[in-house]
């Protein structure tokens, strides 16, 4: 099996260190808020930073999965053969 991924996904430093100028708002229940704040404290970050970082990483994984093509060995050989014969 060969996986072809078109987009490298991670939490880039330019995003991590960027000036926070865009606002997002969410509503949750008190138990979830307390749980998130507890996890953020364990990590040494604010609840906001914790939510943004984890949401960004989850979004990045989802987008990467959607943009990945997985081919069997037979289909990979057919694709590469077609590409080599195209020129």
Protein backbone atom coordinates (compact mmCIF):
# COMPACT_ATOMS: atom_id res chain seq x y z
CA UNK A 1 0.00 0.00 0.00
CA UNK A 2 1.26 3.48 -0.86
CA UNK A 3 -0.12 6.64 0.69
CA UNK A 4 0.12 9.90 -1.18
CA UNK A 5 -0.42 12.99 0.94
CA UNK A 6 -0.78 16.36 -0.75
CA UNK A 7 -0.74 18.60 2.33
CA UNK A 8 1.69 18.48 5.23
CA UNK A 9 -0.25 19.03 8.41
CA UNK A 10 1.01 20.09 11.80
CA UNK A 11 0.68 22.99 14.20
CA UNK A 12 3.15 25.36 12.48
CA UNK A 13 5.19 27.75 14.59
CA UNK A 14 3.91 30.77 12.64
CA UNK A 15 0.39 29.83 13.76
CA UNK A 16 1.44 29.00 17.31
CA UNK A 17 3.29 32.31 17.74
CA UNK A 18 0.94 34.50 15.69
CA UNK A 19 -0.77 37.53 17.17
CA UNK A 20 -4.21 36.59 18.40
CA UNK A 21 -6.50 38.87 16.42
CA UNK A 22 -9.40 36.56 15.44
CA UNK A 23 -12.09 35.71 17.97
CA UNK A 24 -13.99 32.46 18.33
CA UNK A 25 -16.75 31.80 20.81
CA UNK A 26 -18.18 28.54 22.08
CA UNK A 27 -20.67 27.42 24.66
CA UNK A 28 -20.30 24.36 26.84
CA UNK A 29 -21.54 23.00 30.13
CA UNK A 30 -19.82 23.77 33.45
CA UNK A 31 -18.41 20.24 33.82
CA UNK A 32 -16.75 20.32 30.38
CA UNK A 33 -15.35 23.79 31.07
CA UNK A 34 -13.85 22.67 34.39
CA UNK A 35 -12.40 19.54 32.77
CA UNK A 36 -10.77 21.56 29.96
CA UNK A 37 -9.40 24.11 32.44
CA UNK A 38 -7.94 21.27 34.52
CA UNK A 39 -6.22 19.74 31.48
CA UNK A 40 -4.93 23.15 30.39
CA UNK A 41 -3.49 23.77 33.86
CA UNK A 42 -1.73 20.41 33.76
CA UNK A 43 -0.18 21.43 30.45
CA UNK A 44 0.70 24.91 31.75
CA UNK A 45 -1.37 26.84 29.21
CA UNK A 46 -4.57 28.84 29.26
CA UNK A 47 -7.87 27.09 28.57
CA UNK A 48 -8.16 29.15 25.38
CA UNK A 49 -4.71 28.10 24.14
CA UNK A 50 -5.47 24.48 25.06
CA UNK A 51 -8.75 24.47 23.11
CA UNK A 52 -7.26 26.22 20.06
CA UNK A 53 -4.19 23.98 19.89
CA UNK A 54 -6.19 20.76 20.26
CA UNK A 55 -8.90 21.88 17.83
CA UNK A 56 -6.24 22.92 15.29
CA UNK A 57 -4.46 19.56 15.59
CA UNK A 58 -7.75 17.64 15.22
CA UNK A 59 -8.70 19.76 12.20
CA UNK A 60 -5.28 19.19 10.69
CA UNK A 61 -5.59 15.39 11.07
CA UNK A 62 -9.09 15.40 9.56
CA UNK A 63 -8.05 17.52 6.58
CA UNK A 64 -4.95 15.36 6.01
CA UNK A 65 -7.09 12.18 6.01
CA UNK A 66 -9.47 13.73 3.49
CA UNK A 67 -6.63 14.82 1.21
CA UNK A 68 -4.75 11.51 1.32
CA UNK A 69 -5.04 8.97 -1.45
CA UNK A 70 -4.36 5.32 -0.60
CA UNK A 71 -3.59 2.98 -3.47
CA UNK A 72 -3.09 -0.77 -3.61
CA UNK A 73 0.21 -1.93 -5.11
CA UNK A 74 -1.60 -2.80 -8.36
CA UNK A 75 -3.25 0.63 -8.62
CA UNK A 76 -0.01 2.38 -7.66
CA UNK A 77 1.83 0.58 -10.45
CA UNK A 78 -0.91 1.51 -12.93
CA UNK A 79 -0.83 5.18 -11.85
CA UNK A 80 2.96 5.47 -12.00
CA UNK A 81 3.00 3.63 -15.32
CA UNK A 82 0.47 6.08 -16.74
CA UNK A 83 2.49 9.03 -15.46
CA UNK A 84 5.73 7.70 -16.94
CA UNK A 85 4.06 7.05 -20.32
CA UNK A 86 2.39 10.47 -20.41
CA UNK A 87 5.55 12.26 -21.55
